[in-house]
Amino acid sequence: MHIVLHQPEIPANTGNIGRTCVATGTSLHLIEPLGFRLDEKSIRRSGMDYWEQLDVTRYINYAAFQEKHPDVRIWYATTKARRTYTEASFGPDDYIMFGKESGGIPEEILVENEETCIRIPMLDRIRSLNLSNAVAIVLYEALRQNHFDGMQTQGELHRLQWRG
């Protein structure tokens, strides 16, 4: 699974998303320009000590990303989509793109990919969810559809044992 952030602006969101990617074995793709430097303290703080374990790739722009990945299926998460993320059928090698916090994915990209645009349902009182929350919601649905392949699905207590 792959998460793509198109021009992210807030380092703490990107750090949180990076940590989620490490926890799920998901690659992170960052399309520039970024609204911060990757060595900023806030990325490290939110990503904690996991950032070094992250499979992350940077691209100078969307065209460079497309050139590197010409035949992949990309789901475009946007508040403007006509269908929800639960209507998507995610494959294990799919890419899920999210736009920058202040404006989302450019509409020029969305109109070219209407069939793979998806949204998270919400009330109309707010413009959008926090980016790192939105990534977690959609990513975990995609992972669920793929049976959490390769992930630990059962936990263990530290001091006691589960009954039965």
N, C-alpha and C. Protein backbone atom coordinates (compact mmCIF):
# COMPACT_ATOMS: atom_id res chain seq x y z
N MET A 1 0.85 -1.17 0.00
CA MET A 1 0.00 0.00 0.00
C MET A 1 0.90 1.24 0.00
N HIS A 2 0.39 2.31 -0.58
CA HIS A 2 1.17 3.54 -0.71
C HIS A 2 0.29 4.74 -0.37
N ILE A 3 0.84 5.67 0.40
CA ILE A 3 0.19 6.95 0.68
C ILE A 3 0.98 8.03 -0.05
N VAL A 4 0.26 8.91 -0.73
CA VAL A 4 0.87 10.02 -1.46
C VAL A 4 0.33 11.32 -0.87
N LEU A 5 1.23 12.21 -0.50
CA LEU A 5 0.83 13.54 -0.02
C LEU A 5 1.24 14.56 -1.07
N HIS A 6 0.25 15.23 -1.63
CA HIS A 6 0.50 16.24 -2.65
C HIS A 6 0.68 17.59 -1.97
N GLN A 7 1.90 18.05 -1.90
CA GLN A 7 2.27 19.36 -1.36
C GLN A 7 1.80 19.58 0.08
N PRO A 8 2.13 18.67 1.00
CA PRO A 8 1.71 18.87 2.39
C PRO A 8 2.33 20.13 2.98
N GLU A 9 1.60 20.76 3.90
CA GLU A 9 2.03 22.05 4.44
C GLU A 9 2.41 22.02 5.91
N ILE A 10 1.87 21.09 6.67
CA ILE A 10 2.04 21.08 8.12
C ILE A 10 2.93 19.91 8.52
N PRO A 11 4.11 20.20 9.07
CA PRO A 11 5.05 19.12 9.37
C PRO A 11 4.52 18.10 10.37
N ALA A 12 3.76 18.52 11.36
CA ALA A 12 3.24 17.56 12.34
C ALA A 12 2.32 16.54 11.69
N ASN A 13 1.50 16.97 10.73
CA ASN A 13 0.64 16.02 10.02
C ASN A 13 1.47 14.99 9.27
N THR A 14 2.48 15.47 8.55
CA THR A 14 3.34 14.56 7.79
C THR A 14 4.07 13.60 8.72
N GLY A 15 4.51 14.09 9.88
CA GLY A 15 5.15 13.21 10.86
C GLY A 15 4.21 12.14 11.37
N ASN A 16 2.98 12.53 11.70
CA ASN A 16 1.98 11.56 12.15
C ASN A 16 1.67 10.54 11.07
N ILE A 17 1.55 10.99 9.84
CA ILE A 17 1.27 10.10 8.72
C ILE A 17 2.46 9.15 8.52
N GLY A 18 3.66 9.67 8.65
CA GLY A 18 4.85 8.81 8.54
C GLY A 18 4.83 7.70 9.58
N ARG A 19 4.45 8.04 10.80
CA ARG A 19 4.38 7.03 11.86
C ARG A 19 3.32 5.98 11.53
N THR A 20 2.17 6.40 11.02
CA THR A 20 1.13 5.46 10.61
C THR A 20 1.64 4.55 9.49
N CYS A 21 2.39 5.12 8.56
CA CYS A 21 2.95 4.32 7.47
C CYS A 21 3.92 3.27 7.99
N VAL A 22 4.77 3.63 8.93
CA VAL A 22 5.70 2.66 9.51
C VAL A 22 4.92 1.55 10.22
N ALA A 23 3.87 1.91 10.96
CA ALA A 23 3.09 0.93 11.71
C ALA A 23 2.35 -0.05 10.81
N THR A 24 2.11 0.35 9.56
CA THR A 24 1.33 -0.49 8.65
C THR A 24 2.14 -1.04 7.48
N GLY A 25 3.43 -0.74 7.43
CA GLY A 25 4.26 -1.21 6.32
C GLY A 25 3.91 -0.54 5.00
N THR A 26 3.46 0.69 5.10
CA THR A 26 3.02 1.46 3.93
C THR A 26 4.10 2.44 3.50
N SER A 27 4.32 2.58 2.20
CA SER A 27 5.28 3.55 1.68
C SER A 27 4.63 4.93 1.65
N LEU A 28 5.46 5.95 1.88
CA LEU A 28 5.00 7.34 1.83
C LEU A 28 5.69 8.05 0.68
N HIS A 29 4.89 8.75 -0.12
CA HIS A 29 5.39 9.51 -1.27
C HIS A 29 5.03 10.97 -1.05
N LEU A 30 6.01 11.85 -1.14
CA LEU A 30 5.81 13.28 -0.91
C LEU A 30 6.06 14.04 -2.20
N ILE A 31 5.04 14.75 -2.65
CA ILE A 31 5.15 15.56 -3.87
C ILE A 31 5.38 17.00 -3.46
N GLU A 32 6.47 17.58 -3.93
CA GLU A 32 6.85 18.96 -3.61
C GLU A 32 6.04 19.96 -4.42
N PRO A 33 6.02 21.21 -3.97
CA PRO A 33 6.78 21.74 -2.85
C PRO A 33 6.14 21.39 -1.51
N LEU A 34 6.98 21.15 -0.53
CA LEU A 34 6.54 20.91 0.84
C LEU A 34 6.49 22.24 1.57
N GLY A 35 5.62 22.35 2.53
CA GLY A 35 5.50 23.59 3.31
C GLY A 35 6.45 23.63 4.49
N PHE A 36 7.48 22.80 4.48
CA PHE A 36 8.42 22.67 5.59
C PHE A 36 9.65 21.91 5.09
N ARG A 37 10.66 21.87 5.93
CA ARG A 37 11.85 21.05 5.64
C ARG A 37 11.69 19.71 6.35
N LEU A 38 12.12 18.64 5.74
CA LEU A 38 11.96 17.32 6.34
C LEU A 38 12.79 17.13 7.60
N ASP A 39 13.77 17.98 7.82
CA ASP A 39 14.57 17.83 9.03
C ASP A 39 14.02 18.64 10.20
N GLU A 40 12.84 19.22 10.03
CA GLU A 40 12.26 20.02 11.11
C GLU A 40 11.95 19.17 12.34
N LYS A 41 12.13 19.78 13.48
CA LYS A 41 11.91 19.10 14.76
C LYS A 41 10.48 18.59 14.90
N SER A 42 9.51 19.32 14.38
CA SER A 42 8.12 18.91 14.54
C SER A 42 7.80 17.61 13.81
N ILE A 43 8.47 17.35 12.70
CA ILE A 43 8.26 16.07 12.01
C ILE A 43 8.80 14.95 12.87
N ARG A 44 9.99 15.15 13.39
CA ARG A 44 10.61 14.12 14.23
C ARG A 44 9.79 13.89 15.49
N ARG A 45 9.25 14.96 16.07
CA ARG A 45 8.47 14.83 17.31
C ARG A 45 7.21 14.01 17.05
N SER A 46 6.47 14.34 16.00
CA SER A 46 5.22 13.63 15.73
C SER A 46 5.49 12.23 15.18
N GLY A 47 6.57 12.06 14.43
CA GLY A 47 6.91 10.75 13.91
C GLY A 47 7.72 9.93 14.90
N MET A 48 8.07 10.59 15.99
CA MET A 48 8.88 10.01 17.06
C MET A 48 10.15 9.39 16.47
N ASP A 49 10.56 8.28 17.01
CA ASP A 49 11.81 7.69 16.56
C ASP A 49 11.61 6.74 15.39
N TYR A 50 10.44 6.78 14.77
CA TYR A 50 10.13 5.87 13.68
C TYR A 50 10.52 6.41 12.31
N TRP A 51 10.82 7.69 12.21
CA TRP A 51 11.04 8.31 10.90
C TRP A 51 12.14 7.61 10.10
N GLU A 52 13.19 7.14 10.78
CA GLU A 52 14.28 6.47 10.08
C GLU A 52 13.85 5.14 9.48
N GLN A 53 12.77 4.56 9.99
CA GLN A 53 12.27 3.28 9.47
C GLN A 53 11.29 3.47 8.31
N LEU A 54 10.95 4.70 8.00
CA LEU A 54 9.94 5.01 7.00
C LEU A 54 10.49 4.85 5.58
N ASP A 55 9.73 4.18 4.73
CA ASP A 55 10.02 4.10 3.31
C ASP A 55 9.39 5.34 2.66
N VAL A 56 10.20 6.37 2.45
CA VAL A 56 9.68 7.64 1.95
C VAL A 56 10.43 8.05 0.68
N THR A 57 9.67 8.56 -0.29
CA THR A 57 10.24 9.03 -1.56
C THR A 57 9.70 10.42 -1.84
N ARG A 58 10.57 11.31 -2.29
CA ARG A 58 10.17 12.68 -2.64
C ARG A 58 10.19 12.85 -4.16
N TYR A 59 9.29 13.71 -4.64
CA TYR A 59 9.18 14.01 -6.07
C TYR A 59 9.14 15.52 -6.23
N ILE A 60 9.79 16.02 -7.24
CA ILE A 60 9.89 17.46 -7.47
C ILE A 60 8.52 18.07 -7.79
N ASN A 61 7.62 17.25 -8.41
CA ASN A 61 6.26 17.71 -8.74
C ASN A 61 5.40 16.51 -9.12
N TYR A 62 4.14 16.75 -9.39
CA TYR A 62 3.20 15.68 -9.72
C TYR A 62 3.61 14.96 -11.02
N ALA A 63 4.11 15.71 -11.98
CA ALA A 63 4.54 15.09 -13.24
C ALA A 63 5.67 14.09 -13.01
N ALA A 64 6.60 14.41 -12.14
CA ALA A 64 7.70 13.49 -11.82
C ALA A 64 7.16 12.23 -11.13
N PHE A 65 6.18 12.40 -10.25
CA PHE A 65 5.54 11.25 -9.61
C PHE A 65 4.88 10.36 -10.66
N GLN A 66 4.11 10.96 -11.57
CA GLN A 66 3.44 10.20 -12.62
C GLN A 66 4.44 9.47 -13.52
N GLU A 67 5.53 10.14 -13.83
CA GLU A 67 6.55 9.54 -14.69
C GLU A 67 7.16 8.30 -14.02
N LYS A 68 7.36 8.36 -12.73
CA LYS A 68 7.96 7.26 -11.98
C LYS A 68 6.97 6.11 -11.79
N HIS A 69 5.66 6.40 -11.76
CA HIS A 69 4.62 5.40 -11.49
C HIS A 69 3.51 5.49 -12.55
N PRO A 70 3.81 5.18 -13.81
CA PRO A 70 2.83 5.42 -14.88
C PRO A 70 1.62 4.50 -14.88
N ASP A 71 1.74 3.31 -14.36
CA ASP A 71 0.65 2.34 -14.50
C ASP A 71 0.03 1.91 -13.18
N VAL A 72 0.18 2.71 -12.14
CA VAL A 72 -0.39 2.34 -10.85
C VAL A 72 -1.81 2.87 -10.72
N ARG A 73 -2.59 2.23 -9.86
CA ARG A 73 -3.94 2.74 -9.59
C ARG A 73 -3.84 3.69 -8.41
N ILE A 74 -4.36 4.89 -8.61
CA ILE A 74 -4.32 5.93 -7.58
C ILE A 74 -5.75 6.29 -7.20
N TRP A 75 -6.02 6.28 -5.90
CA TRP A 75 -7.28 6.77 -5.37
C TRP A 75 -7.02 8.18 -4.87
N TYR A 76 -7.88 9.11 -5.23
CA TYR A 76 -7.71 10.52 -4.88
C TYR A 76 -8.72 10.88 -3.80
N ALA A 77 -8.23 11.07 -2.58
CA ALA A 77 -9.10 11.40 -1.46
C ALA A 77 -9.37 12.90 -1.46
N THR A 78 -10.64 13.26 -1.58
CA THR A 78 -11.01 14.65 -1.71
C THR A 78 -12.42 14.87 -1.18
N THR A 79 -12.66 16.01 -0.58
CA THR A 79 -14.00 16.34 -0.12
C THR A 79 -14.95 16.59 -1.29
N LYS A 80 -14.42 16.69 -2.49
CA LYS A 80 -15.23 17.00 -3.67
C LYS A 80 -15.75 15.77 -4.40
N ALA A 81 -15.35 14.57 -3.98
CA ALA A 81 -15.70 13.34 -4.69
C ALA A 81 -17.19 13.02 -4.56
N ARG A 82 -17.69 12.25 -5.51
CA ARG A 82 -19.10 11.86 -5.52
C ARG A 82 -19.35 10.55 -4.78
N ARG A 83 -18.30 9.76 -4.55
CA ARG A 83 -18.51 8.50 -3.83
C ARG A 83 -17.58 8.39 -2.63
N THR A 84 -17.93 7.52 -1.70
CA THR A 84 -17.19 7.40 -0.46
C THR A 84 -16.06 6.39 -0.58
N TYR A 85 -15.14 6.48 0.36
CA TYR A 85 -13.99 5.57 0.38
C TYR A 85 -14.42 4.13 0.62
N THR A 86 -15.56 3.90 1.24
CA THR A 86 -16.02 2.53 1.47
C THR A 86 -16.57 1.89 0.20
N GLU A 87 -16.82 2.69 -0.83
CA GLU A 87 -17.26 2.16 -2.12
C GLU A 87 -16.09 1.74 -3.00
N ALA A 88 -14.89 2.10 -2.61
CA ALA A 88 -13.69 1.74 -3.38
C ALA A 88 -13.31 0.30 -3.09
N SER A 89 -12.72 -0.34 -4.07
CA SER A 89 -12.19 -1.69 -3.90
C SER A 89 -10.67 -1.59 -4.00
N PHE A 90 -10.02 -1.50 -2.84
CA PHE A 90 -8.58 -1.27 -2.78
C PHE A 90 -7.80 -2.55 -3.01
N GLY A 91 -6.76 -2.44 -3.83
CA GLY A 91 -5.83 -3.55 -4.02
C GLY A 91 -4.60 -3.35 -3.15
N PRO A 92 -3.82 -4.39 -2.92
CA PRO A 92 -2.67 -4.30 -2.02
C PRO A 92 -1.55 -3.38 -2.49
N ASP A 93 -1.52 -3.07 -3.77
CA ASP A 93 -0.46 -2.21 -4.32
C ASP A 93 -0.96 -0.83 -4.73
N ASP A 94 -2.18 -0.49 -4.31
CA ASP A 94 -2.76 0.79 -4.70
C ASP A 94 -2.09 1.97 -3.99
N TYR A 95 -2.25 3.13 -4.60
CA TYR A 95 -1.77 4.40 -4.06
C TYR A 95 -3.00 5.21 -3.66
N ILE A 96 -2.92 5.88 -2.52
CA ILE A 96 -4.01 6.75 -2.07
C ILE A 96 -3.42 8.14 -1.88
N MET A 97 -3.90 9.09 -2.66
CA MET A 97 -3.35 10.46 -2.63
C MET A 97 -4.24 11.38 -1.81
N PHE A 98 -3.58 12.25 -1.05
CA PHE A 98 -4.24 13.29 -0.26
C PHE A 98 -3.58 14.62 -0.61
N GLY A 99 -4.37 15.69 -0.61
CA GLY A 99 -3.85 17.00 -0.97
C GLY A 99 -3.39 17.80 0.22
N LYS A 100 -2.88 18.98 -0.08
CA LYS A 100 -2.39 19.85 0.99
C LYS A 100 -3.53 20.31 1.88
N GLU A 101 -3.18 20.65 3.10
CA GLU A 101 -4.17 20.99 4.12
C GLU A 101 -5.04 22.18 3.74
N SER A 102 -4.50 23.17 3.07
CA SER A 102 -5.27 24.39 2.79
C SER A 102 -6.15 24.31 1.55
N GLY A 103 -5.92 23.33 0.68
CA GLY A 103 -6.70 23.34 -0.55
C GLY A 103 -6.95 21.98 -1.19
N GLY A 104 -6.41 20.93 -0.63
CA GLY A 104 -6.63 19.61 -1.19
C GLY A 104 -5.85 19.37 -2.47
N ILE A 105 -6.26 18.35 -3.19
CA ILE A 105 -5.65 18.00 -4.48
C ILE A 105 -6.17 18.99 -5.52
N PRO A 106 -5.31 19.52 -6.39
CA PRO A 106 -5.78 20.45 -7.41
C PRO A 106 -6.91 19.85 -8.27
N GLU A 107 -7.90 20.67 -8.56
CA GLU A 107 -9.04 20.20 -9.35
C GLU A 107 -8.65 19.72 -10.74
N GLU A 108 -7.55 20.25 -11.28
CA GLU A 108 -7.07 19.80 -12.59
C GLU A 108 -6.71 18.31 -12.54
N ILE A 109 -6.21 17.84 -11.43
CA ILE A 109 -5.90 16.42 -11.26
C ILE A 109 -7.19 15.63 -11.04
N LEU A 110 -8.09 16.17 -10.24
CA LEU A 110 -9.32 15.46 -9.91
C LEU A 110 -10.19 15.20 -11.14
N VAL A 111 -10.38 16.20 -11.99
CA VAL A 111 -11.26 16.01 -13.14
C VAL A 111 -10.73 14.97 -14.12
N GLU A 112 -9.45 14.74 -14.10
CA GLU A 112 -8.86 13.72 -14.97
C GLU A 112 -8.98 12.32 -14.37
N ASN A 113 -9.42 12.23 -13.12
CA ASN A 113 -9.45 10.95 -12.41
C ASN A 113 -10.74 10.76 -11.63
N GLU A 114 -11.85 11.20 -12.18
CA GLU A 114 -13.13 11.20 -11.46
C GLU A 114 -13.51 9.82 -10.92
N GLU A 115 -13.24 8.76 -11.67
CA GLU A 115 -13.65 7.42 -11.27
C GLU A 115 -12.93 6.90 -10.03
N THR A 116 -11.78 7.47 -9.71
CA THR A 116 -11.04 7.01 -8.54
C THR A 116 -10.95 8.10 -7.46
N CYS A 117 -11.85 9.07 -7.52
CA CYS A 117 -11.95 10.07 -6.46
C CYS A 117 -12.88 9.55 -5.38
N ILE A 118 -12.44 9.65 -4.13
CA ILE A 118 -13.22 9.15 -3.00
C ILE A 118 -13.26 10.19 -1.89
N ARG A 119 -14.26 10.09 -1.04
CA ARG A 119 -14.41 11.05 0.07
C ARG A 119 -14.77 10.33 1.35
N ILE A 120 -14.52 10.99 2.46
CA ILE A 120 -14.94 10.53 3.78
C ILE A 120 -16.21 11.31 4.12
N PRO A 121 -17.31 10.61 4.41
CA PRO A 121 -18.55 11.32 4.75
C PRO A 121 -18.38 12.14 6.04
N MET A 122 -18.97 13.31 6.06
CA MET A 122 -18.96 14.16 7.25
C MET A 122 -20.08 15.19 7.13
N LEU A 123 -20.40 15.81 8.21
CA LEU A 123 -21.39 16.89 8.19
C LEU A 123 -20.82 18.08 7.44
N ASP A 124 -21.70 18.95 6.98
CA ASP A 124 -21.24 20.10 6.19
C ASP A 124 -20.81 21.28 7.04
N ARG A 125 -20.70 21.10 8.34
CA ARG A 125 -20.31 22.20 9.23
C ARG A 125 -18.84 22.56 9.14
N ILE A 126 -18.03 21.62 8.65
CA ILE A 126 -16.59 21.88 8.52
C ILE A 126 -16.16 21.59 7.10
N ARG A 127 -15.02 22.14 6.72
CA ARG A 127 -14.50 21.98 5.36
C ARG A 127 -13.89 20.61 5.15
N SER A 128 -13.14 20.11 6.18
CA SER A 128 -12.46 18.83 6.01
C SER A 128 -11.97 18.33 7.37
N LEU A 129 -11.55 17.09 7.38
CA LEU A 129 -10.92 16.50 8.57
C LEU A 129 -9.44 16.84 8.59
N ASN A 130 -8.81 16.66 9.73
CA ASN A 130 -7.36 16.78 9.82
C ASN A 130 -6.74 15.76 8.86
N LEU A 131 -5.69 16.17 8.17
CA LEU A 131 -5.06 15.33 7.16
C LEU A 131 -4.59 13.99 7.72
N SER A 132 -3.92 13.99 8.85
CA SER A 132 -3.41 12.71 9.38
C SER A 132 -4.56 11.79 9.79
N ASN A 133 -5.66 12.35 10.27
CA ASN A 133 -6.84 11.53 10.59
C ASN A 133 -7.45 10.94 9.32
N ALA A 134 -7.56 11.75 8.29
CA ALA A 134 -8.14 11.28 7.02
C ALA A 134 -7.30 10.15 6.43
N VAL A 135 -5.98 10.30 6.47
CA VAL A 135 -5.10 9.24 5.96
C VAL A 135 -5.35 7.95 6.73
N ALA A 136 -5.40 8.03 8.06
CA ALA A 136 -5.60 6.84 8.88
C ALA A 136 -6.93 6.15 8.56
N ILE A 137 -7.98 6.94 8.41
CA ILE A 137 -9.31 6.37 8.13
C ILE A 137 -9.29 5.58 6.83
N VAL A 138 -8.83 6.20 5.77
CA VAL A 138 -8.87 5.56 4.45
C VAL A 138 -7.85 4.42 4.36
N LEU A 139 -6.66 4.63 4.89
CA LEU A 139 -5.64 3.59 4.84
C LEU A 139 -6.09 2.33 5.56
N TYR A 140 -6.67 2.47 6.74
CA TYR A 140 -7.09 1.28 7.48
C TYR A 140 -8.26 0.57 6.81
N GLU A 141 -9.11 1.28 6.08
CA GLU A 141 -10.15 0.61 5.29
C GLU A 141 -9.49 -0.18 4.16
N ALA A 142 -8.51 0.40 3.51
CA ALA A 142 -7.81 -0.31 2.44
C ALA A 142 -7.11 -1.55 2.98
N LEU A 143 -6.48 -1.42 4.13
CA LEU A 143 -5.80 -2.57 4.75
C LEU A 143 -6.82 -3.62 5.19
N ARG A 144 -7.95 -3.21 5.71
CA ARG A 144 -9.01 -4.16 6.11
C ARG A 144 -9.49 -4.96 4.91
N GLN A 145 -9.70 -4.25 3.79
CA GLN A 145 -10.14 -4.95 2.58
C GLN A 145 -9.13 -5.98 2.11
N ASN A 146 -7.88 -5.78 2.45
CA ASN A 146 -6.82 -6.72 2.08
C ASN A 146 -6.43 -7.62 3.25
N HIS A 147 -7.36 -7.78 4.21
CA HIS A 147 -7.24 -8.71 5.33
C HIS A 147 -6.03 -8.42 6.21
N PHE A 148 -5.62 -7.14 6.30
CA PHE A 148 -4.47 -6.74 7.12
C PHE A 148 -3.27 -7.65 6.84
N ASP A 149 -3.07 -7.96 5.58
CA ASP A 149 -2.03 -8.90 5.17
C ASP A 149 -0.66 -8.54 5.76
N GLY A 150 -0.07 -9.49 6.47
CA GLY A 150 1.25 -9.30 7.05
C GLY A 150 1.27 -8.53 8.35
N MET A 151 0.12 -8.09 8.83
CA MET A 151 0.08 -7.28 10.05
C MET A 151 -0.33 -8.13 11.25
N GLN A 152 0.12 -7.74 12.40
CA GLN A 152 -0.27 -8.39 13.64
C GLN A 152 -1.71 -7.98 13.95
N THR A 153 -2.61 -8.95 14.03
CA THR A 153 -4.02 -8.63 14.25
C THR A 153 -4.49 -9.00 15.65
N GLN A 154 -3.65 -9.67 16.44
CA GLN A 154 -4.02 -10.00 17.81
C GLN A 154 -2.95 -9.49 18.76
N GLY A 155 -3.39 -8.88 19.84
CA GLY A 155 -2.47 -8.34 20.82
C GLY A 155 -2.33 -9.24 22.03
N GLU A 156 -1.34 -8.97 22.84
CA GLU A 156 -1.09 -9.72 24.06
C GLU A 156 -1.01 -8.74 25.23
N LEU A 157 -1.53 -9.15 26.38
CA LEU A 157 -1.41 -8.36 27.59
C LEU A 157 0.03 -8.44 28.09
N HIS A 158 0.47 -7.45 28.83
CA HIS A 158 1.84 -7.42 29.34
C HIS A 158 1.99 -8.23 30.63
N ARG A 159 1.07 -8.05 31.56
CA ARG A 159 1.21 -8.71 32.87
C ARG A 159 0.25 -9.88 33.05
N LEU A 160 -0.91 -9.82 32.47
CA LEU A 160 -1.94 -10.84 32.66
C LEU A 160 -2.18 -11.60 31.36
N GLN A 161 -3.09 -12.56 31.42
CA GLN A 161 -3.44 -13.32 30.21
C GLN A 161 -4.94 -13.19 29.96
N TRP A 162 -5.33 -13.21 28.69
CA TRP A 162 -6.74 -13.18 28.34
C TRP A 162 -7.42 -14.45 28.84
N ARG A 163 -8.65 -14.34 29.28
CA ARG A 163 -9.41 -15.51 29.74
C ARG A 163 -9.99 -16.23 28.54
N GLY A 164 -9.91 -17.54 28.55
CA GLY A 164 -10.50 -18.35 27.50
C GLY A 164 -9.81 -18.26 26.26
